[in-house]
Amino acid sequence: MGETVVRFSGAPEIVLEKLVSLGYYQTKTEALRAGVMHLGKEYNVSTGAKEIEDELAIRKMLKVNAEVDSGKRKLVPLDAVLEKYGAKR
C-alpha cells in the first residue's frame, strides 16, 4: 500500500478540473478516489464496506507485524496498559 502519483492531460484533465470547479468534489484527489471506488463497484472488485474494512485491517496488521519484526515498533502488553491507567478488563 502506498502513494500513487497520477498525471493527466487532455480530456481527462479538463473533466477532472470541471468536477472540482463545479463543486461536485472539493479536490481533484477526492474526485479521483470517488472514480476509483465507482470502477470497483462496476467491475465487482469490491463487494462492500465489510470486505474493504477487512482488507484494510489485514494490511494494517501486516504492516505493524513488519515494524515489530524490524524493531521499528514496540508493542506494549494489554495488561501493562490496563495497569498503567488503572483500567479493568
N, C-alpha and C. Protein backbone atom coordinates (compact mmCIF):
# COMPACT_ATOMS: atom_id res chain seq x y z
N MET A 1 0.86 -1.16 0.00
CA MET A 1 0.00 0.00 0.00
C MET A 1 0.90 1.22 0.00
N GLY A 2 0.60 2.16 -0.88
CA GLY A 2 1.46 3.32 -0.93
C GLY A 2 0.82 4.47 -1.65
N GLU A 3 1.62 5.40 -1.99
CA GLU A 3 1.17 6.61 -2.64
C GLU A 3 1.28 6.43 -4.14
N THR A 4 0.30 6.96 -4.87
CA THR A 4 0.30 6.87 -6.31
C THR A 4 0.27 8.27 -6.89
N VAL A 5 1.14 8.54 -7.82
CA VAL A 5 1.18 9.84 -8.49
C VAL A 5 0.58 9.65 -9.87
N VAL A 6 -0.38 10.52 -10.21
CA VAL A 6 -1.05 10.43 -11.50
C VAL A 6 -0.96 11.78 -12.19
N ARG A 7 -0.63 11.77 -13.45
CA ARG A 7 -0.59 13.00 -14.25
C ARG A 7 -1.62 12.88 -15.36
N PHE A 8 -2.41 13.92 -15.52
CA PHE A 8 -3.44 13.95 -16.55
C PHE A 8 -3.18 15.07 -17.52
N SER A 9 -3.57 14.85 -18.75
CA SER A 9 -3.57 15.91 -19.75
C SER A 9 -4.75 15.66 -20.68
N GLY A 10 -5.09 16.65 -21.44
CA GLY A 10 -6.17 16.49 -22.41
C GLY A 10 -7.54 16.39 -21.75
N ALA A 11 -8.41 15.57 -22.35
CA ALA A 11 -9.80 15.45 -21.90
C ALA A 11 -9.93 15.03 -20.43
N PRO A 12 -9.19 14.01 -19.96
CA PRO A 12 -9.33 13.66 -18.53
C PRO A 12 -9.00 14.82 -17.59
N GLU A 13 -8.00 15.61 -17.94
CA GLU A 13 -7.63 16.76 -17.10
C GLU A 13 -8.76 17.78 -17.06
N ILE A 14 -9.36 18.05 -18.21
CA ILE A 14 -10.46 19.02 -18.28
C ILE A 14 -11.65 18.54 -17.46
N VAL A 15 -12.01 17.26 -17.60
CA VAL A 15 -13.14 16.71 -16.84
C VAL A 15 -12.86 16.81 -15.35
N LEU A 16 -11.67 16.44 -14.94
CA LEU A 16 -11.31 16.49 -13.53
C LEU A 16 -11.40 17.91 -12.99
N GLU A 17 -10.88 18.86 -13.72
CA GLU A 17 -10.95 20.27 -13.30
C GLU A 17 -12.39 20.76 -13.20
N LYS A 18 -13.24 20.34 -14.15
CA LYS A 18 -14.64 20.76 -14.12
C LYS A 18 -15.39 20.14 -12.95
N LEU A 19 -15.09 18.89 -12.62
CA LEU A 19 -15.73 18.25 -11.48
C LEU A 19 -15.46 19.03 -10.19
N VAL A 20 -14.26 19.56 -10.08
CA VAL A 20 -13.90 20.35 -8.90
C VAL A 20 -14.48 21.76 -8.99
N SER A 21 -14.32 22.41 -10.12
CA SER A 21 -14.78 23.80 -10.23
C SER A 21 -16.30 23.92 -10.14
N LEU A 22 -17.03 22.89 -10.54
CA LEU A 22 -18.48 22.91 -10.44
C LEU A 22 -18.98 22.49 -9.05
N GLY A 23 -18.04 22.09 -8.20
CA GLY A 23 -18.39 21.78 -6.82
C GLY A 23 -18.84 20.36 -6.55
N TYR A 24 -18.69 19.47 -7.53
CA TYR A 24 -19.05 18.08 -7.28
C TYR A 24 -18.09 17.45 -6.27
N TYR A 25 -16.85 17.88 -6.30
CA TYR A 25 -15.83 17.41 -5.37
C TYR A 25 -15.02 18.61 -4.92
N GLN A 26 -14.48 18.54 -3.71
CA GLN A 26 -13.70 19.66 -3.18
C GLN A 26 -12.29 19.68 -3.75
N THR A 27 -11.75 18.50 -4.06
CA THR A 27 -10.38 18.44 -4.59
C THR A 27 -10.32 17.42 -5.73
N LYS A 28 -9.27 17.52 -6.51
CA LYS A 28 -9.04 16.54 -7.57
C LYS A 28 -8.82 15.16 -6.98
N THR A 29 -8.11 15.10 -5.86
CA THR A 29 -7.85 13.81 -5.20
C THR A 29 -9.16 13.14 -4.79
N GLU A 30 -10.08 13.93 -4.24
CA GLU A 30 -11.38 13.39 -3.83
C GLU A 30 -12.14 12.85 -5.04
N ALA A 31 -12.09 13.56 -6.15
CA ALA A 31 -12.77 13.12 -7.37
C ALA A 31 -12.16 11.82 -7.89
N LEU A 32 -10.84 11.72 -7.86
CA LEU A 32 -10.17 10.51 -8.31
C LEU A 32 -10.51 9.31 -7.42
N ARG A 33 -10.54 9.54 -6.10
CA ARG A 33 -10.92 8.45 -5.19
C ARG A 33 -12.33 7.96 -5.49
N ALA A 34 -13.25 8.89 -5.69
CA ALA A 34 -14.63 8.52 -5.99
C ALA A 34 -14.70 7.73 -7.30
N GLY A 35 -13.91 8.14 -8.28
CA GLY A 35 -13.89 7.43 -9.55
C GLY A 35 -13.37 6.02 -9.42
N VAL A 36 -12.33 5.84 -8.63
CA VAL A 36 -11.77 4.50 -8.41
C VAL A 36 -12.78 3.62 -7.70
N MET A 37 -13.46 4.16 -6.69
CA MET A 37 -14.47 3.38 -5.97
C MET A 37 -15.62 3.00 -6.89
N HIS A 38 -16.01 3.92 -7.76
CA HIS A 38 -17.08 3.62 -8.73
C HIS A 38 -16.66 2.48 -9.66
N LEU A 39 -15.43 2.52 -10.15
CA LEU A 39 -14.93 1.44 -11.01
C LEU A 39 -14.89 0.11 -10.26
N GLY A 40 -14.52 0.15 -9.00
CA GLY A 40 -14.51 -1.06 -8.20
C GLY A 40 -15.88 -1.70 -8.12
N LYS A 41 -16.90 -0.88 -7.93
CA LYS A 41 -18.28 -1.40 -7.90
C LYS A 41 -18.70 -1.92 -9.28
N GLU A 42 -18.38 -1.15 -10.30
CA GLU A 42 -18.79 -1.52 -11.67
C GLU A 42 -18.21 -2.86 -12.09
N TYR A 43 -16.97 -3.13 -11.71
CA TYR A 43 -16.31 -4.37 -12.11
C TYR A 43 -16.32 -5.43 -11.01
N ASN A 44 -17.12 -5.19 -9.97
CA ASN A 44 -17.26 -6.14 -8.85
C ASN A 44 -15.92 -6.50 -8.21
N VAL A 45 -15.05 -5.53 -8.12
CA VAL A 45 -13.76 -5.74 -7.47
C VAL A 45 -13.94 -5.68 -5.96
N SER A 46 -14.83 -4.82 -5.51
CA SER A 46 -15.15 -4.75 -4.08
C SER A 46 -16.65 -4.93 -3.94
N THR A 47 -17.03 -5.83 -3.05
CA THR A 47 -18.46 -6.13 -2.91
C THR A 47 -19.12 -5.33 -1.81
N GLY A 48 -18.36 -4.71 -0.96
CA GLY A 48 -18.99 -3.92 0.08
C GLY A 48 -18.02 -3.38 1.10
N ALA A 49 -18.58 -2.59 2.01
CA ALA A 49 -17.77 -1.93 3.03
C ALA A 49 -17.08 -2.94 3.94
N LYS A 50 -17.76 -4.01 4.30
CA LYS A 50 -17.18 -5.01 5.20
C LYS A 50 -15.94 -5.64 4.58
N GLU A 51 -16.02 -6.00 3.31
CA GLU A 51 -14.87 -6.59 2.62
C GLU A 51 -13.69 -5.63 2.61
N ILE A 52 -13.95 -4.38 2.33
CA ILE A 52 -12.89 -3.37 2.29
C ILE A 52 -12.31 -3.15 3.67
N GLU A 53 -13.19 -3.08 4.68
CA GLU A 53 -12.73 -2.89 6.06
C GLU A 53 -11.83 -4.05 6.49
N ASP A 54 -12.22 -5.27 6.14
CA ASP A 54 -11.40 -6.44 6.48
C ASP A 54 -10.03 -6.36 5.81
N GLU A 55 -10.00 -5.98 4.54
CA GLU A 55 -8.74 -5.88 3.80
C GLU A 55 -7.84 -4.82 4.42
N LEU A 56 -8.42 -3.68 4.82
CA LEU A 56 -7.63 -2.63 5.46
C LEU A 56 -7.06 -3.11 6.79
N ALA A 57 -7.86 -3.84 7.56
CA ALA A 57 -7.38 -4.36 8.85
C ALA A 57 -6.24 -5.33 8.65
N ILE A 58 -6.36 -6.19 7.67
CA ILE A 58 -5.30 -7.17 7.38
C ILE A 58 -4.02 -6.45 6.98
N ARG A 59 -4.13 -5.47 6.11
CA ARG A 59 -2.94 -4.72 5.68
C ARG A 59 -2.28 -4.00 6.85
N LYS A 60 -3.09 -3.42 7.75
CA LYS A 60 -2.56 -2.73 8.91
C LYS A 60 -1.82 -3.71 9.83
N MET A 61 -2.43 -4.89 10.06
CA MET A 61 -1.78 -5.89 10.91
C MET A 61 -0.46 -6.35 10.32
N LEU A 62 -0.41 -6.54 9.01
CA LEU A 62 0.84 -6.95 8.36
C LEU A 62 1.90 -5.86 8.49
N LYS A 63 1.49 -4.61 8.36
CA LYS A 63 2.43 -3.50 8.49
C LYS A 63 2.98 -3.43 9.91
N VAL A 64 2.09 -3.54 10.91
CA VAL A 64 2.53 -3.49 12.31
C VAL A 64 3.47 -4.65 12.60
N ASN A 65 3.11 -5.86 12.15
CA ASN A 65 3.97 -7.03 12.37
C ASN A 65 5.36 -6.81 11.76
N ALA A 66 5.42 -6.24 10.57
CA ALA A 66 6.71 -5.99 9.92
C ALA A 66 7.52 -4.97 10.72
N GLU A 67 6.85 -3.95 11.26
CA GLU A 67 7.54 -2.94 12.06
C GLU A 67 8.05 -3.53 13.37
N VAL A 68 7.28 -4.41 13.97
CA VAL A 68 7.73 -5.07 15.21
C VAL A 68 8.92 -5.96 14.91
N ASP A 69 8.84 -6.74 13.84
CA ASP A 69 9.92 -7.65 13.47
C ASP A 69 11.22 -6.89 13.16
N SER A 70 11.09 -5.70 12.58
CA SER A 70 12.29 -4.93 12.22
C SER A 70 12.80 -4.07 13.38
N GLY A 71 12.06 -4.04 14.48
CA GLY A 71 12.47 -3.24 15.62
C GLY A 71 12.02 -1.79 15.56
N LYS A 72 11.26 -1.41 14.55
CA LYS A 72 10.78 -0.03 14.41
C LYS A 72 9.62 0.27 15.37
N ARG A 73 8.95 -0.77 15.84
CA ARG A 73 7.80 -0.57 16.71
C ARG A 73 7.87 -1.55 17.86
N LYS A 74 7.48 -1.07 19.04
CA LYS A 74 7.44 -1.92 20.22
C LYS A 74 5.98 -2.03 20.66
N LEU A 75 5.53 -3.24 20.90
CA LEU A 75 4.18 -3.45 21.39
C LEU A 75 4.19 -3.53 22.90
N VAL A 76 3.16 -2.97 23.52
CA VAL A 76 3.02 -2.99 24.97
C VAL A 76 1.89 -3.97 25.29
N PRO A 77 2.13 -4.91 26.19
CA PRO A 77 1.08 -5.88 26.54
C PRO A 77 -0.15 -5.17 27.12
N LEU A 78 -1.33 -5.70 26.82
CA LEU A 78 -2.59 -5.11 27.28
C LEU A 78 -2.61 -4.96 28.79
N ASP A 79 -2.16 -5.98 29.51
CA ASP A 79 -2.17 -5.92 30.98
C ASP A 79 -1.35 -4.74 31.49
N ALA A 80 -0.23 -4.44 30.84
CA ALA A 80 0.61 -3.31 31.25
C ALA A 80 -0.12 -1.99 31.04
N VAL A 81 -0.82 -1.87 29.94
CA VAL A 81 -1.58 -0.64 29.65
C VAL A 81 -2.71 -0.48 30.66
N LEU A 82 -3.44 -1.56 30.92
CA LEU A 82 -4.55 -1.50 31.88
C LEU A 82 -4.05 -1.11 33.27
N GLU A 83 -2.92 -1.68 33.66
CA GLU A 83 -2.35 -1.37 34.97
C GLU A 83 -1.92 0.09 35.04
N LYS A 84 -1.27 0.57 33.99
CA LYS A 84 -0.78 1.95 33.96
C LYS A 84 -1.91 2.96 34.11
N TYR A 85 -3.05 2.69 33.48
CA TYR A 85 -4.15 3.64 33.50
C TYR A 85 -5.25 3.27 34.49
N GLY A 86 -5.01 2.23 35.29
CA GLY A 86 -5.97 1.84 36.32
C GLY A 86 -7.28 1.32 35.79
N ALA A 87 -7.24 0.74 34.62
CA ALA A 87 -8.46 0.21 33.99
C ALA A 87 -8.60 -1.28 34.30
N LYS A 88 -9.82 -1.77 34.14
CA LYS A 88 -10.08 -3.19 34.36
C LYS A 88 -10.53 -3.83 33.06
N ARG A 89 -10.32 -5.12 32.98
CA ARG A 89 -10.78 -5.88 31.80
C ARG A 89 -12.26 -6.01 31.80
